N, C-alpha and C. Protein backbone atom coordinates (compact mmCIF):
# COMPACT_ATOMS: atom_id res chain seq x y z
N MET A 1 166.89 116.35 53.76
CA MET A 1 166.60 117.45 54.64
C MET A 1 166.45 116.90 56.10
N ASN A 2 165.82 115.76 56.29
CA ASN A 2 165.57 115.26 57.61
C ASN A 2 166.52 114.10 57.97
N SER A 3 167.66 113.97 57.28
CA SER A 3 168.52 112.82 57.52
C SER A 3 169.53 113.11 58.56
N TYR A 4 169.90 112.10 59.25
CA TYR A 4 170.93 112.13 60.31
C TYR A 4 171.91 111.02 60.01
N PRO A 5 173.22 111.21 60.28
CA PRO A 5 174.16 110.15 60.09
C PRO A 5 173.80 108.89 60.89
N ASN A 6 173.33 109.10 62.08
CA ASN A 6 172.92 107.99 62.96
C ASN A 6 171.48 108.25 63.41
N GLU A 7 170.74 107.17 63.51
CA GLU A 7 169.33 107.33 63.91
C GLU A 7 169.32 107.64 65.40
N MET A 8 168.44 108.50 65.83
CA MET A 8 168.31 108.94 67.21
C MET A 8 167.69 107.79 68.01
N LYS A 9 168.30 107.40 69.09
CA LYS A 9 167.77 106.42 69.99
C LYS A 9 166.67 107.11 70.84
N MET A 10 165.58 106.39 71.08
CA MET A 10 164.52 106.96 71.89
C MET A 10 164.18 106.00 73.04
N ILE A 11 164.11 106.60 74.22
CA ILE A 11 163.71 105.88 75.45
C ILE A 11 162.43 106.52 75.90
N ILE A 12 161.32 105.74 75.83
CA ILE A 12 160.03 106.29 76.16
C ILE A 12 159.42 105.39 77.24
N PRO A 13 158.77 106.02 78.29
CA PRO A 13 158.13 105.24 79.31
C PRO A 13 157.12 104.25 78.75
N LYS A 14 156.97 103.11 79.34
CA LYS A 14 156.08 102.04 78.84
C LYS A 14 154.62 102.44 78.84
N ARG A 15 154.21 103.22 79.77
CA ARG A 15 152.79 103.55 79.92
C ARG A 15 152.39 104.84 79.19
N CYS A 16 153.07 105.15 78.08
CA CYS A 16 152.75 106.41 77.37
C CYS A 16 151.72 106.21 76.24
N ASP A 17 151.11 105.04 76.15
CA ASP A 17 150.22 104.80 75.03
C ASP A 17 148.77 104.76 75.40
N ASN A 18 148.41 105.11 76.59
CA ASN A 18 147.06 105.00 77.01
C ASN A 18 146.17 106.22 76.69
N ALA A 19 146.79 107.28 76.22
CA ALA A 19 146.01 108.46 75.85
C ALA A 19 146.54 108.98 74.49
N PRO A 20 145.64 109.19 73.49
CA PRO A 20 146.10 109.58 72.19
C PRO A 20 146.89 110.88 72.18
N ARG A 21 146.57 111.77 73.02
CA ARG A 21 147.28 113.05 73.04
C ARG A 21 148.73 112.90 73.49
N LYS A 22 149.03 111.90 74.32
CA LYS A 22 150.39 111.64 74.75
C LYS A 22 151.28 111.33 73.53
N GLN A 23 150.75 110.47 72.61
CA GLN A 23 151.57 110.15 71.46
C GLN A 23 151.74 111.37 70.52
N ILE A 24 150.76 112.21 70.45
CA ILE A 24 150.89 113.46 69.66
C ILE A 24 151.99 114.31 70.22
N VAL A 25 152.06 114.45 71.51
CA VAL A 25 153.13 115.27 72.19
C VAL A 25 154.48 114.68 71.90
N ILE A 26 154.61 113.36 72.01
CA ILE A 26 155.85 112.71 71.73
C ILE A 26 156.27 112.91 70.26
N ASP A 27 155.31 112.69 69.34
CA ASP A 27 155.58 112.82 67.91
C ASP A 27 156.00 114.30 67.57
N PHE A 28 155.33 115.23 68.19
CA PHE A 28 155.63 116.64 67.92
C PHE A 28 157.00 117.02 68.45
N THR A 29 157.31 116.53 69.64
CA THR A 29 158.66 116.74 70.22
C THR A 29 159.75 116.21 69.30
N VAL A 30 159.56 115.00 68.79
CA VAL A 30 160.55 114.39 67.91
C VAL A 30 160.62 115.20 66.58
N ALA A 31 159.46 115.67 66.09
CA ALA A 31 159.39 116.39 64.84
C ALA A 31 160.22 117.73 64.96
N ILE A 32 160.11 118.40 66.11
CA ILE A 32 160.86 119.63 66.30
C ILE A 32 162.39 119.32 66.33
N LEU A 33 162.73 118.26 67.05
CA LEU A 33 164.17 117.92 67.18
C LEU A 33 164.76 117.49 65.87
N LYS A 34 163.97 116.76 65.01
CA LYS A 34 164.49 116.23 63.78
C LYS A 34 164.08 117.08 62.55
N HIS A 35 163.41 118.19 62.84
CA HIS A 35 162.97 119.11 61.79
C HIS A 35 162.08 118.38 60.75
N GLN A 36 161.12 117.65 61.26
CA GLN A 36 160.18 116.93 60.37
C GLN A 36 159.02 117.83 60.07
N ILE A 37 159.12 118.55 58.98
CA ILE A 37 158.20 119.61 58.63
C ILE A 37 156.76 119.11 58.45
N GLU A 38 156.57 117.97 57.78
CA GLU A 38 155.24 117.50 57.52
C GLU A 38 154.51 117.14 58.82
N ILE A 39 155.19 116.61 59.81
CA ILE A 39 154.54 116.32 61.08
C ILE A 39 154.21 117.64 61.83
N ILE A 40 155.07 118.55 61.74
CA ILE A 40 154.80 119.86 62.39
C ILE A 40 153.57 120.48 61.78
N LYS A 41 153.46 120.43 60.45
CA LYS A 41 152.29 121.00 59.75
C LYS A 41 150.99 120.25 60.18
N GLU A 42 151.11 118.93 60.41
CA GLU A 42 149.95 118.16 60.75
C GLU A 42 149.42 118.51 62.12
N TYR A 43 150.33 118.78 63.06
CA TYR A 43 149.89 118.96 64.48
C TYR A 43 149.83 120.40 64.93
N ALA A 44 150.55 121.29 64.28
CA ALA A 44 150.62 122.71 64.75
C ALA A 44 149.48 123.54 64.21
N ASP A 45 148.92 124.33 65.05
CA ASP A 45 147.90 125.34 64.61
C ASP A 45 148.63 126.39 63.79
N GLU A 46 147.95 126.99 62.79
CA GLU A 46 148.55 128.03 61.97
C GLU A 46 149.15 129.19 62.81
N SER A 47 148.50 129.45 63.95
CA SER A 47 148.93 130.58 64.80
C SER A 47 149.69 130.12 66.02
N ILE A 48 150.33 128.97 65.95
CA ILE A 48 151.11 128.46 67.07
C ILE A 48 152.11 129.49 67.56
N ILE A 49 152.33 129.46 68.89
CA ILE A 49 153.34 130.31 69.51
C ILE A 49 154.24 129.40 70.27
N LEU A 50 155.55 129.52 69.99
CA LEU A 50 156.60 128.72 70.68
C LEU A 50 157.46 129.72 71.49
N TYR A 51 157.38 129.55 72.81
CA TYR A 51 158.24 130.38 73.72
C TYR A 51 159.45 129.58 74.05
N GLN A 52 160.65 130.02 73.62
CA GLN A 52 161.86 129.40 74.01
C GLN A 52 162.43 130.23 75.18
N LEU A 53 162.07 129.81 76.40
CA LEU A 53 162.24 130.67 77.56
C LEU A 53 163.72 130.92 77.90
N LYS A 54 164.56 129.94 77.70
CA LYS A 54 165.99 130.11 78.03
C LYS A 54 166.59 131.22 77.19
N ASP A 55 166.21 131.28 75.92
CA ASP A 55 166.77 132.27 74.99
C ASP A 55 165.91 133.53 74.89
N ASN A 56 164.83 133.58 75.68
CA ASN A 56 163.90 134.73 75.64
C ASN A 56 163.41 135.00 74.26
N LYS A 57 163.01 133.91 73.54
CA LYS A 57 162.49 134.02 72.18
C LYS A 57 161.01 133.65 72.12
N LYS A 58 160.32 134.31 71.21
CA LYS A 58 158.92 134.01 70.98
C LYS A 58 158.77 133.83 69.45
N ILE A 59 158.41 132.63 69.00
CA ILE A 59 158.21 132.32 67.60
C ILE A 59 156.73 132.23 67.36
N GLU A 60 156.19 133.09 66.52
CA GLU A 60 154.80 133.17 66.25
C GLU A 60 154.41 132.70 64.86
N GLY A 61 153.54 131.70 64.78
CA GLY A 61 153.02 131.20 63.49
C GLY A 61 153.74 130.00 63.00
N GLN A 62 152.96 129.09 62.41
CA GLN A 62 153.51 127.85 61.85
C GLN A 62 154.58 128.10 60.83
N CYS A 63 154.35 129.09 59.96
CA CYS A 63 155.31 129.37 58.87
C CYS A 63 156.70 129.85 59.50
N SER A 64 156.61 130.71 60.50
CA SER A 64 157.80 131.21 61.15
C SER A 64 158.58 130.07 61.83
N LEU A 65 157.85 129.17 62.51
CA LEU A 65 158.46 128.05 63.16
C LEU A 65 159.19 127.15 62.13
N ILE A 66 158.51 126.87 61.06
CA ILE A 66 159.11 126.00 59.99
C ILE A 66 160.35 126.70 59.37
N THR A 67 160.26 127.98 59.12
CA THR A 67 161.37 128.72 58.48
C THR A 67 162.60 128.66 59.41
N ILE A 68 162.37 128.90 60.74
CA ILE A 68 163.46 128.92 61.68
C ILE A 68 164.09 127.50 61.74
N LEU A 69 163.26 126.48 61.77
CA LEU A 69 163.82 125.12 61.83
C LEU A 69 164.63 124.78 60.58
N GLN A 70 164.11 125.20 59.43
CA GLN A 70 164.84 124.94 58.16
C GLN A 70 166.14 125.62 58.09
N ASN A 71 166.25 126.80 58.75
CA ASN A 71 167.53 127.57 58.66
C ASN A 71 168.49 127.30 59.80
N GLU A 72 168.03 126.52 60.78
CA GLU A 72 168.80 126.23 61.94
C GLU A 72 169.72 125.05 61.70
N ASN A 73 170.92 125.14 62.28
CA ASN A 73 171.88 124.00 62.19
C ASN A 73 171.34 122.91 63.10
N LYS A 74 171.33 121.70 62.59
CA LYS A 74 170.82 120.59 63.37
C LYS A 74 171.98 120.03 64.22
N SER A 75 171.71 119.90 65.48
CA SER A 75 172.67 119.17 66.40
C SER A 75 172.40 117.70 66.18
N ILE A 76 173.45 116.96 66.19
CA ILE A 76 173.28 115.47 66.10
C ILE A 76 172.83 114.95 67.50
N ILE A 77 171.62 114.46 67.54
CA ILE A 77 171.09 113.96 68.80
C ILE A 77 171.25 112.43 68.79
N ASP A 78 171.99 111.95 69.78
CA ASP A 78 172.22 110.54 69.95
C ASP A 78 170.96 109.86 70.54
N CYS A 79 170.41 110.53 71.56
CA CYS A 79 169.34 109.86 72.30
C CYS A 79 168.37 110.91 72.86
N LEU A 80 167.09 110.60 72.78
CA LEU A 80 166.03 111.33 73.41
C LEU A 80 165.42 110.40 74.46
N GLU A 81 165.52 110.81 75.72
CA GLU A 81 164.90 110.03 76.81
C GLU A 81 163.77 110.87 77.38
N ILE A 82 162.61 110.32 77.35
CA ILE A 82 161.43 110.97 77.86
C ILE A 82 161.10 110.40 79.24
N TYR A 83 160.99 111.24 80.23
CA TYR A 83 160.67 110.81 81.58
C TYR A 83 159.16 110.68 81.81
N GLN A 84 158.40 111.74 81.50
CA GLN A 84 156.96 111.73 81.62
C GLN A 84 156.30 112.51 80.54
N VAL A 85 155.10 112.09 80.25
CA VAL A 85 154.17 112.86 79.39
C VAL A 85 152.87 112.88 80.18
N ILE A 86 152.37 114.10 80.43
CA ILE A 86 151.18 114.23 81.22
C ILE A 86 150.19 115.05 80.40
N THR A 87 148.93 114.58 80.34
CA THR A 87 147.89 115.34 79.60
C THR A 87 146.69 115.52 80.51
N HIS A 88 145.99 116.63 80.29
CA HIS A 88 144.73 116.87 80.98
C HIS A 88 143.96 117.95 80.21
N GLY A 89 142.83 117.58 79.67
CA GLY A 89 142.04 118.51 78.87
C GLY A 89 142.81 119.05 77.70
N LYS A 90 142.93 120.36 77.59
CA LYS A 90 143.66 120.96 76.45
C LYS A 90 145.14 121.21 76.77
N TYR A 91 145.60 120.68 77.87
CA TYR A 91 147.02 120.90 78.31
C TYR A 91 147.77 119.61 78.29
N ALA A 92 149.10 119.71 78.09
CA ALA A 92 149.98 118.55 78.17
C ALA A 92 151.38 119.07 78.47
N SER A 93 152.21 118.15 79.05
CA SER A 93 153.62 118.46 79.25
C SER A 93 154.45 117.22 78.99
N ILE A 94 155.69 117.46 78.62
CA ILE A 94 156.63 116.36 78.37
C ILE A 94 157.95 116.82 78.90
N ASN A 95 158.63 115.92 79.62
CA ASN A 95 159.98 116.29 80.10
C ASN A 95 160.90 115.10 79.91
N GLY A 96 162.21 115.45 79.79
CA GLY A 96 163.20 114.41 79.65
C GLY A 96 164.57 115.02 79.38
N VAL A 97 165.43 114.28 78.63
CA VAL A 97 166.76 114.79 78.35
C VAL A 97 167.13 114.34 76.93
N THR A 98 167.86 115.24 76.23
CA THR A 98 168.44 114.89 74.95
C THR A 98 169.94 114.81 75.16
N SER A 99 170.54 113.77 74.56
CA SER A 99 171.98 113.63 74.60
C SER A 99 172.51 113.84 73.21
N LEU A 100 173.41 114.82 73.08
CA LEU A 100 173.97 115.16 71.77
C LEU A 100 175.22 114.36 71.52
N ALA A 101 175.60 114.23 70.26
CA ALA A 101 176.77 113.47 69.85
C ALA A 101 178.06 113.98 70.49
N ASN A 102 178.12 115.25 70.81
CA ASN A 102 179.32 115.80 71.43
C ASN A 102 179.37 115.61 72.96
N GLY A 103 178.44 114.85 73.50
CA GLY A 103 178.43 114.55 74.93
C GLY A 103 177.56 115.50 75.76
N VAL A 104 177.08 116.60 75.20
CA VAL A 104 176.26 117.56 75.91
C VAL A 104 174.91 116.95 76.18
N LYS A 105 174.37 117.14 77.37
CA LYS A 105 172.99 116.69 77.71
C LYS A 105 172.19 117.96 77.98
N ILE A 106 170.98 117.96 77.44
CA ILE A 106 170.04 119.06 77.64
C ILE A 106 168.74 118.54 78.25
N ASP A 107 168.50 118.97 79.49
CA ASP A 107 167.24 118.62 80.13
C ASP A 107 166.18 119.54 79.62
N PHE A 108 164.96 119.04 79.41
CA PHE A 108 163.90 119.88 78.87
C PHE A 108 162.57 119.57 79.51
N CYS A 109 161.69 120.56 79.47
CA CYS A 109 160.30 120.40 79.78
C CYS A 109 159.51 121.32 78.86
N ASP A 110 158.58 120.78 78.11
CA ASP A 110 157.75 121.59 77.22
C ASP A 110 156.29 121.46 77.75
N VAL A 111 155.63 122.58 77.90
CA VAL A 111 154.28 122.65 78.32
C VAL A 111 153.42 123.07 77.16
N TYR A 112 152.48 122.21 76.75
CA TYR A 112 151.70 122.40 75.56
C TYR A 112 150.29 122.91 75.91
N MET A 113 149.72 123.73 75.05
CA MET A 113 148.32 124.08 75.13
C MET A 113 147.76 123.85 73.73
N PHE A 114 146.73 123.03 73.65
CA PHE A 114 146.04 122.72 72.40
C PHE A 114 144.92 123.75 72.19
N ARG A 115 144.47 123.87 70.98
CA ARG A 115 143.36 124.83 70.65
C ARG A 115 142.12 124.58 71.55
N ASN A 116 141.85 123.30 71.80
CA ASN A 116 140.73 122.92 72.70
C ASN A 116 140.98 121.50 73.20
N ALA A 117 140.04 120.90 73.88
CA ALA A 117 140.26 119.56 74.47
C ALA A 117 139.91 118.41 73.52
N ALA A 118 139.46 118.73 72.31
CA ALA A 118 139.13 117.68 71.34
C ALA A 118 140.41 116.90 70.95
N LYS A 119 140.23 115.60 70.62
CA LYS A 119 141.33 114.80 70.26
C LYS A 119 142.02 115.26 68.99
N SER A 120 141.30 115.92 68.13
CA SER A 120 141.84 116.40 66.83
C SER A 120 142.40 117.84 66.98
N ALA A 121 142.38 118.43 68.16
CA ALA A 121 142.82 119.81 68.30
C ALA A 121 144.34 119.95 68.00
N LYS A 122 144.69 121.08 67.41
CA LYS A 122 146.09 121.38 67.04
C LYS A 122 146.78 122.05 68.21
N VAL A 123 148.11 121.97 68.18
CA VAL A 123 148.93 122.64 69.18
C VAL A 123 148.91 124.14 68.96
N LYS A 124 148.50 124.85 70.02
CA LYS A 124 148.35 126.33 69.91
C LYS A 124 149.56 127.04 70.49
N GLU A 125 150.12 126.48 71.61
CA GLU A 125 151.20 127.17 72.28
C GLU A 125 152.08 126.15 72.97
N ILE A 126 153.42 126.42 72.95
CA ILE A 126 154.38 125.62 73.71
C ILE A 126 155.27 126.56 74.48
N ARG A 127 155.45 126.25 75.77
CA ARG A 127 156.45 126.94 76.56
C ARG A 127 157.59 125.96 76.81
N SER A 128 158.73 126.27 76.30
CA SER A 128 159.83 125.33 76.23
C SER A 128 160.94 125.74 77.16
N TYR A 129 161.22 124.87 78.12
CA TYR A 129 162.25 125.12 79.14
C TYR A 129 163.45 124.18 78.82
N ARG A 130 164.67 124.74 78.76
CA ARG A 130 165.90 123.98 78.52
C ARG A 130 166.92 124.33 79.54
N ILE A 131 167.61 123.28 80.07
CA ILE A 131 168.73 123.51 80.96
C ILE A 131 169.94 122.79 80.44
């Protein structure tokens, strides 16, 4: 279910390991791209809302998110390059570019809101921008 013919190359800034929440944001981003359901269940709040702003879509609830990912055709991603991950309190953002096997590049920025500022808080909302 989560297999790809080629493993996705990842380019991550060197200083992304100084805050635990930064790694959670990176892991969650990868989980969405690779449809890694167990990781999504681990980090997503039951009532998560994902706004896919380019497509004017609102996905509500962990079950809905997982169902959509399971039914979605996976694009073969050659490379995920992360430019920055920024965290502050219960908010975080990640931006970068994904390079697909067909040569298409998609710039992205996801803005996260966690349930609260605790290290163990789950992802409550994501506003996802794609160009």
